Amino acid sequence: MNRFPAAAGPPVQVVLADANVMYSRSLRDYLLYAAEAGAVGVAWSQAILDDVTEHLMANVPGFGAEAAVRLLDALAETFPDAVFEPSGEDYARLEGLVLRDEDDRHVMAAALAAEADIICTSNLKHFPRAELAKLGVAVMSPDDLFTQLIGTRLAAMIEAHRAAVANFAGSSDQSTVAALRRAGAARAADMMSELLGL
């Protein structure tokens, strides 16, 4: 299980990252650096990663097959235990659920395979929260997740922010917070801006 140690606070939760979160450079960086800092554990499936790289190659100029390989290699090296593949039993637990998009069934099954506490997604309406809660899985937007983590894992989230700034050429506190806001995590961006005195 990809749970990371934390010095204090409640037990670290495992977050299954949906493809739309991993697609966004800002959201991906904040989540992954938060995991490296020990704020959360992260999980995904190979199908989720394939979806991410397919859309990046289709939509981001200059992001080709080599960039996709570099991204996947970096994820595998940094989070070697993060890939979970759902079993037939995981899918069986979802029988009867009527979904807006059947592709999301795999995301839910992967969350069950990973024993994830949270599915982090920008498509909240696609996930039946009440039914998933009965299975022990919450559904949160990136903004909700980051806001929660800033409240409960502040030191780790400051560390994650600093890493996001340091590891993207030309970035500053201001530009990184602005990018987070543009990616839809406005409340988390406002909180971080206030904490940093921006």
C-alpha atoms as a PDB file:
ATOM      1  CA  MET A   1       0.000   0.000   0.000  1.00  0.00           C
ATOM      2  CA  ASN A   2       1.342   3.373  -0.996  1.00  0.00           C
ATOM      3  CA  ARG A   3       0.911   5.128   2.349  1.00  0.00           C
ATOM      4  CA  PHE A   4       3.511   7.677   3.331  1.00  0.00           C
ATOM      5  CA  PRO A   5       4.654   8.346   6.915  1.00  0.00           C
ATOM      6  CA  ALA A   6       3.783  11.623   8.577  1.00  0.00           C
ATOM      7  CA  ALA A   7       5.276  13.050  11.733  1.00  0.00           C
ATOM      8  CA  ALA A   8       1.979  14.256  13.161  1.00  0.00           C
ATOM      9  CA  GLY A   9      -1.690  14.548  12.428  1.00  0.00           C
ATOM     10  CA  PRO A  10      -4.303  12.064  11.255  1.00  0.00           C
ATOM     11  CA  PRO A  11      -3.354   8.955   9.256  1.00  0.00           C
ATOM     12  CA  VAL A  12      -2.183   9.697   5.744  1.00  0.00           C
ATOM     13  CA  GLN A  13      -4.895   9.051   3.166  1.00  0.00           C
ATOM     14  CA  VAL A  14      -4.411   7.363  -0.191  1.00  0.00           C
ATOM     15  CA  VAL A  15      -5.617   9.391  -3.167  1.00  0.00           C
ATOM     16  CA  LEU A  16      -6.512   7.781  -6.498  1.00  0.00           C
ATOM     17  CA  ALA A  17      -5.722  10.429  -9.105  1.00  0.00           C
ATOM     18  CA  ASP A  18      -8.126  10.628 -12.032  1.00  0.00           C
ATOM     19  CA  ALA A  19      -6.668  11.310 -15.476  1.00  0.00           C
ATOM     20  CA  ASN A  20      -7.982  14.882 -15.579  1.00  0.00           C
ATOM     21  CA  VAL A  21      -5.958  15.710 -12.468  1.00  0.00           C
ATOM     22  CA  MET A  22      -2.793  14.091 -13.795  1.00  0.00           C
ATOM     23  CA  TYR A  23      -3.260  15.858 -17.132  1.00  0.00           C
ATOM     24  CA  SER A  24      -2.914  19.313 -15.577  1.00  0.00           C
ATOM     25  CA  ARG A  25       0.714  20.223 -14.906  1.00  0.00           C
ATOM     26  CA  SER A  26      -0.251  22.448 -11.957  1.00  0.00           C
ATOM     27  CA  LEU A  27      -2.592  19.950 -10.300  1.00  0.00           C
ATOM     28  CA  ARG A  28      -0.261  17.032 -10.976  1.00  0.00           C
ATOM     29  CA  ASP A  29       2.733  18.838  -9.498  1.00  0.00           C
ATOM     30  CA  TYR A  30       0.888  19.894  -6.365  1.00  0.00           C
ATOM     31  CA  LEU A  31      -0.468  16.403  -5.770  1.00  0.00           C
ATOM     32  CA  LEU A  32       2.775  14.566  -6.439  1.00  0.00           C
ATOM     33  CA  TYR A  33       4.941  16.942  -4.439  1.00  0.00           C
ATOM     34  CA  ALA A  34       2.411  16.682  -1.609  1.00  0.00           C
ATOM     35  CA  ALA A  35       2.870  12.919  -1.761  1.00  0.00           C
ATOM     36  CA  GLU A  36       6.658  13.253  -1.741  1.00  0.00           C
ATOM     37  CA  ALA A  37       6.336  15.512   1.307  1.00  0.00           C
ATOM     38  CA  GLY A  38       4.282  12.864   3.114  1.00  0.00           C
ATOM     39  CA  ALA A  39       0.897  14.616   3.017  1.00  0.00           C
ATOM     40  CA  VAL A  40      -0.844  11.824   1.092  1.00  0.00           C
ATOM     41  CA  GLY A  41      -0.264   8.538  -0.634  1.00  0.00           C
ATOM     42  CA  VAL A  42      -1.018   8.392  -4.348  1.00  0.00           C
ATOM     43  CA  ALA A  43      -2.349   5.699  -6.635  1.00  0.00           C
ATOM     44  CA  TRP A  44      -3.421   5.235 -10.252  1.00  0.00           C
ATOM     45  CA  SER A  45      -3.755   2.489 -12.836  1.00  0.00           C
ATOM     46  CA  GLN A  46      -1.924   1.948 -16.084  1.00  0.00           C
ATOM     47  CA  ALA A  47      -5.120   2.775 -17.969  1.00  0.00           C
ATOM     48  CA  ILE A  48      -5.301   6.132 -16.197  1.00  0.00           C
ATOM     49  CA  LEU A  49      -1.695   6.875 -17.128  1.00  0.00           C
ATOM     50  CA  ASP A  50      -2.335   5.836 -20.729  1.00  0.00           C
ATOM     51  CA  ASP A  51      -5.292   8.224 -20.852  1.00  0.00           C
ATOM     52  CA  VAL A  52      -3.128  11.038 -19.485  1.00  0.00           C
ATOM     53  CA  THR A  53      -0.293  10.596 -21.971  1.00  0.00           C
ATOM     54  CA  GLU A  54      -2.678  10.110 -24.895  1.00  0.00           C
ATOM     55  CA  HIS A  55      -4.381  13.441 -24.212  1.00  0.00           C
ATOM     56  CA  LEU A  56      -1.126  15.252 -23.484  1.00  0.00           C
ATOM     57  CA  MET A  57       0.316  14.109 -26.808  1.00  0.00           C
ATOM     58  CA  ALA A  58      -2.886  15.110 -28.610  1.00  0.00           C
ATOM     59  CA  ASN A  59      -3.322  18.530 -27.003  1.00  0.00           C
ATOM     60  CA  VAL A  60      -0.001  19.904 -25.751  1.00  0.00           C
ATOM     61  CA  PRO A  61       2.369  21.238 -28.424  1.00  0.00           C
ATOM     62  CA  GLY A  62       5.794  19.673 -28.113  1.00  0.00           C
ATOM     63  CA  PHE A  63       4.612  16.843 -25.876  1.00  0.00           C
ATOM     64  CA  GLY A  64       5.390  13.773 -27.929  1.00  0.00           C
ATOM     65  CA  ALA A  65       6.116  10.113 -27.343  1.00  0.00           C
ATOM     66  CA  GLU A  66       9.529  10.817 -25.785  1.00  0.00           C
ATOM     67  CA  ALA A  67       8.009  13.269 -23.294  1.00  0.00           C
ATOM     68  CA  ALA A  68       5.363  10.676 -22.438  1.00  0.00           C
ATOM     69  CA  VAL A  69       8.028   8.075 -21.744  1.00  0.00           C
ATOM     70  CA  ARG A  70       9.947  10.523 -19.546  1.00  0.00           C
ATOM     71  CA  LEU A  71       6.816  11.312 -17.545  1.00  0.00           C
ATOM     72  CA  LEU A  72       5.925   7.656 -17.058  1.00  0.00           C
ATOM     73  CA  ASP A  73       9.502   6.766 -16.125  1.00  0.00           C
ATOM     74  CA  ALA A  74       9.621   9.593 -13.577  1.00  0.00           C
ATOM     75  CA  LEU A  75       6.346   8.452 -12.016  1.00  0.00           C
ATOM     76  CA  ALA A  76       7.515   4.842 -11.873  1.00  0.00           C
ATOM     77  CA  GLU A  77      10.815   5.825 -10.295  1.00  0.00           C
ATOM     78  CA  THR A  78       9.346   8.181  -7.715  1.00  0.00           C
ATOM     79  CA  PHE A  79       6.201   6.172  -6.901  1.00  0.00           C
ATOM     80  CA  PRO A  80       7.039   2.546  -7.715  1.00  0.00           C
ATOM     81  CA  ASP A  81       4.112   1.174  -5.699  1.00  0.00           C
ATOM     82  CA  ALA A  82       1.431   3.533  -7.020  1.00  0.00           C
ATOM     83  CA  VAL A  83       0.073   1.416  -9.904  1.00  0.00           C
ATOM     84  CA  PHE A  84      -2.929  -0.764  -9.078  1.00  0.00           C
ATOM     85  CA  GLU A  85      -4.909  -2.864 -11.523  1.00  0.00           C
ATOM     86  CA  PRO A  86      -8.533  -3.621 -10.618  1.00  0.00           C
ATOM     87  CA  SER A  87      -9.648  -7.225 -10.413  1.00  0.00           C
ATOM     88  CA  GLY A  88     -12.944  -8.816 -11.329  1.00  0.00           C
ATOM     89  CA  GLU A  89     -13.881  -8.631  -7.671  1.00  0.00           C
ATOM     90  CA  ASP A  90     -13.326  -4.865  -7.679  1.00  0.00           C
ATOM     91  CA  TYR A  91     -15.637  -4.481 -10.673  1.00  0.00           C
ATOM     92  CA  ALA A  92     -18.185  -6.784  -9.052  1.00  0.00           C
ATOM     93  CA  ARG A  93     -18.452  -4.389  -6.096  1.00  0.00           C
ATOM     94  CA  LEU A  94     -19.596  -1.725  -8.558  1.00  0.00           C
ATOM     95  CA  GLU A  95     -22.346  -3.788 -10.178  1.00  0.00           C
ATOM     96  CA  GLY A  96     -25.603  -1.919 -10.514  1.00  0.00           C
ATOM     97  CA  LEU A  97     -24.075   1.547 -10.550  1.00  0.00           C
ATOM     98  CA  VAL A  98     -25.447   3.692 -13.364  1.00  0.00           C
ATOM     99  CA  LEU A  99     -22.742   6.057 -14.572  1.00  0.00           C
ATOM    100  CA  ARG A 100     -22.745   9.098 -16.852  1.00  0.00           C
ATOM    101  CA  ASP A 101     -19.547   7.815 -18.454  1.00  0.00           C
ATOM    102  CA  GLU A 102     -18.777   4.098 -18.375  1.00  0.00           C
ATOM    103  CA  ASP A 103     -15.041   4.895 -18.643  1.00  0.00           C
ATOM    104  CA  ASP A 104     -15.251   6.115 -15.049  1.00  0.00           C
ATOM    105  CA  ARG A 105     -16.060   2.618 -13.829  1.00  0.00           C
ATOM    106  CA  HIS A 106     -12.402   1.712 -14.284  1.00  0.00           C
ATOM    107  CA  VAL A 107     -11.357   4.679 -12.138  1.00  0.00           C
ATOM    108  CA  MET A 108     -13.663   3.542  -9.337  1.00  0.00           C
ATOM    109  CA  ALA A 109     -12.488  -0.055  -9.605  1.00  0.00           C
ATOM    110  CA  ALA A 110      -8.866   1.118  -9.490  1.00  0.00           C
ATOM    111  CA  ALA A 111      -9.667   3.061  -6.324  1.00  0.00           C
ATOM    112  CA  LEU A 112     -11.037  -0.100  -4.751  1.00  0.00           C
ATOM    113  CA  ALA A 113      -7.982  -2.081  -5.857  1.00  0.00           C
ATOM    114  CA  ALA A 114      -5.707   0.532  -4.272  1.00  0.00           C
ATOM    115  CA  GLU A 115      -7.834   0.677  -1.118  1.00  0.00           C
ATOM    116  CA  ALA A 116      -7.888   4.407  -1.756  1.00  0.00           C
ATOM    117  CA  ASP A 117      -9.627   6.735   0.657  1.00  0.00           C
ATOM    118  CA  ILE A 118     -10.276   9.423  -1.960  1.00  0.00           C
ATOM    119  CA  ILE A 119     -10.804   9.700  -5.701  1.00  0.00           C
ATOM    120  CA  CYS A 120      -9.470  13.094  -6.759  1.00  0.00           C
ATOM    121  CA  THR A 121     -11.211  14.262  -9.925  1.00  0.00           C
ATOM    122  CA  SER A 122     -12.335  17.412 -11.676  1.00  0.00           C
ATOM    123  CA  ASN A 123     -15.453  15.587 -12.909  1.00  0.00           C
ATOM    124  CA  LEU A 124     -17.373  15.345  -9.651  1.00  0.00           C
ATOM    125  CA  LYS A 125     -20.723  14.878 -11.393  1.00  0.00           C
ATOM    126  CA  HIS A 126     -19.497  11.670 -13.018  1.00  0.00           C
ATOM    127  CA  PHE A 127     -19.029   9.878  -9.704  1.00  0.00           C
ATOM    128  CA  PRO A 128     -21.929   8.678  -7.499  1.00  0.00           C
ATOM    129  CA  ARG A 129     -20.620   9.947  -4.184  1.00  0.00           C
ATOM    130  CA  ALA A 130     -23.235   8.382  -1.930  1.00  0.00           C
ATOM    131  CA  GLU A 131     -22.721   4.927  -3.406  1.00  0.00           C
ATOM    132  CA  LEU A 132     -18.940   5.211  -3.306  1.00  0.00           C
ATOM    133  CA  ALA A 133     -19.055   6.408   0.297  1.00  0.00           C
ATOM    134  CA  LYS A 134     -20.738   3.108   1.178  1.00  0.00           C
ATOM    135  CA  LEU A 135     -17.629   1.429  -0.250  1.00  0.00           C
ATOM    136  CA  GLY A 136     -15.352   3.623   1.853  1.00  0.00           C
ATOM    137  CA  VAL A 137     -14.242   5.946  -0.938  1.00  0.00           C
ATOM    138  CA  ALA A 138     -14.773   9.725  -0.898  1.00  0.00           C
ATOM    139  CA  VAL A 139     -14.781  11.845  -4.055  1.00  0.00           C
ATOM    140  CA  MET A 140     -13.065  15.227  -3.940  1.00  0.00           C
ATOM    141  CA  SER A 141     -12.081  17.908  -6.396  1.00  0.00           C
ATOM    142  CA  PRO A 142      -8.410  18.960  -6.437  1.00  0.00           C
ATOM    143  CA  ASP A 143      -9.425  22.245  -4.815  1.00  0.00           C
ATOM    144  CA  ASP A 144     -11.233  20.451  -1.986  1.00  0.00           C
ATOM    145  CA  LEU A 145      -8.325  18.048  -1.508  1.00  0.00           C
ATOM    146  CA  PHE A 146      -5.609  20.709  -1.465  1.00  0.00           C
ATOM    147  CA  THR A 147      -7.672  22.933   0.818  1.00  0.00           C
ATOM    148  CA  GLN A 148      -8.111  20.046   3.234  1.00  0.00           C
ATOM    149  CA  LEU A 149      -4.404  19.215   3.124  1.00  0.00           C
ATOM    150  CA  ILE A 150      -3.375  22.825   3.724  1.00  0.00           C
ATOM    151  CA  GLY A 151      -5.523  22.669   6.842  1.00  0.00           C
ATOM    152  CA  THR A 152      -4.258  19.311   8.105  1.00  0.00           C
ATOM    153  CA  ARG A 153      -0.746  18.977   6.597  1.00  0.00           C
ATOM    154  CA  LEU A 154       0.391  22.566   6.351  1.00  0.00           C
ATOM    155  CA  ALA A 155       4.151  21.990   6.588  1.00  0.00           C
ATOM    156  CA  ALA A 156       4.015  19.302   3.917  1.00  0.00           C
ATOM    157  CA  MET A 157       1.930  21.487   1.615  1.00  0.00           C
ATOM    158  CA  ILE A 158       4.331  24.409   1.993  1.00  0.00           C
ATOM    159  CA  GLU A 159       7.111  21.965   1.104  1.00  0.00           C
ATOM    160  CA  ALA A 160       5.078  20.766  -1.896  1.00  0.00           C
ATOM    161  CA  HIS A 161       4.581  24.349  -3.071  1.00  0.00           C
ATOM    162  CA  ARG A 162       8.287  25.107  -2.743  1.00  0.00           C
ATOM    163  CA  ALA A 163       9.103  21.994  -4.774  1.00  0.00           C
ATOM    164  CA  ALA A 164       6.620  22.992  -7.477  1.00  0.00           C
ATOM    165  CA  VAL A 165       8.310  26.389  -7.750  1.00  0.00           C
ATOM    166  CA  ALA A 166      11.857  25.016  -7.681  1.00  0.00           C
ATOM    167  CA  ASN A 167      11.284  22.320 -10.279  1.00  0.00           C
ATOM    168  CA  PHE A 168       9.627  24.371 -13.024  1.00  0.00           C
ATOM    169  CA  ALA A 169      11.973  26.755 -14.790  1.00  0.00           C
ATOM    170  CA  GLY A 170      11.082  30.407 -14.428  1.00  0.00           C
ATOM    171  CA  SER A 171       8.439  29.803 -11.773  1.00  0.00           C
ATOM    172  CA  SER A 172       7.841  31.983  -8.737  1.00  0.00           C
ATOM    173  CA  ASP A 173       5.493  31.767  -5.774  1.00  0.00           C
ATOM    174  CA  GLN A 174       3.144  34.126  -7.569  1.00  0.00           C
ATOM    175  CA  SER A 175       3.140  32.296 -10.915  1.00  0.00           C
ATOM    176  CA  THR A 176       2.711  28.905  -9.281  1.00  0.00           C
ATOM    177  CA  VAL A 177      -0.257  30.068  -7.198  1.00  0.00           C
ATOM    178  CA  ALA A 178      -1.752  31.741 -10.281  1.00  0.00           C
ATOM    179  CA  ALA A 179      -1.387  28.514 -12.271  1.00  0.00           C
ATOM    180  CA  LEU A 180      -3.082  26.586  -9.471  1.00  0.00           C
ATOM    181  CA  ARG A 181      -5.967  29.065  -9.566  1.00  0.00           C
ATOM    182  CA  ARG A 182      -6.285  28.776 -13.356  1.00  0.00           C
ATOM    183  CA  ALA A 183      -6.406  25.000 -12.997  1.00  0.00           C
ATOM    184  CA  GLY A 184      -9.541  25.319 -10.880  1.00  0.00           C
ATOM    185  CA  ALA A 185      -8.116  25.177  -7.355  1.00  0.00           C
ATOM    186  CA  ALA A 186      -9.016  28.756  -6.470  1.00  0.00           C
ATOM    187  CA  ARG A 187      -9.646  28.287  -2.740  1.00  0.00           C
ATOM    188  CA  ALA A 188      -6.387  26.412  -2.273  1.00  0.00           C
ATOM    189  CA  ALA A 189      -4.590  29.100  -4.269  1.00  0.00           C
ATOM    190  CA  ASP A 190      -6.099  31.821  -2.079  1.00  0.00           C
ATOM    191  CA  MET A 191      -5.067  29.975   1.077  1.00  0.00           C
ATOM    192  CA  MET A 192      -1.531  29.434  -0.153  1.00  0.00           C
ATOM    193  CA  SER A 193      -1.266  33.041  -1.297  1.00  0.00           C
ATOM    194  CA  GLU A 194      -2.280  34.262   2.147  1.00  0.00           C
ATOM    195  CA  LEU A 195       0.108  31.869   3.888  1.00  0.00           C
ATOM    196  CA  LEU A 196       2.986  33.022   1.694  1.00  0.00           C
ATOM    197  CA  GLY A 197       2.133  36.673   2.131  1.00  0.00           C
ATOM    198  CA  LEU A 198       1.632  37.277  -1.573  1.00  0.00           C
END
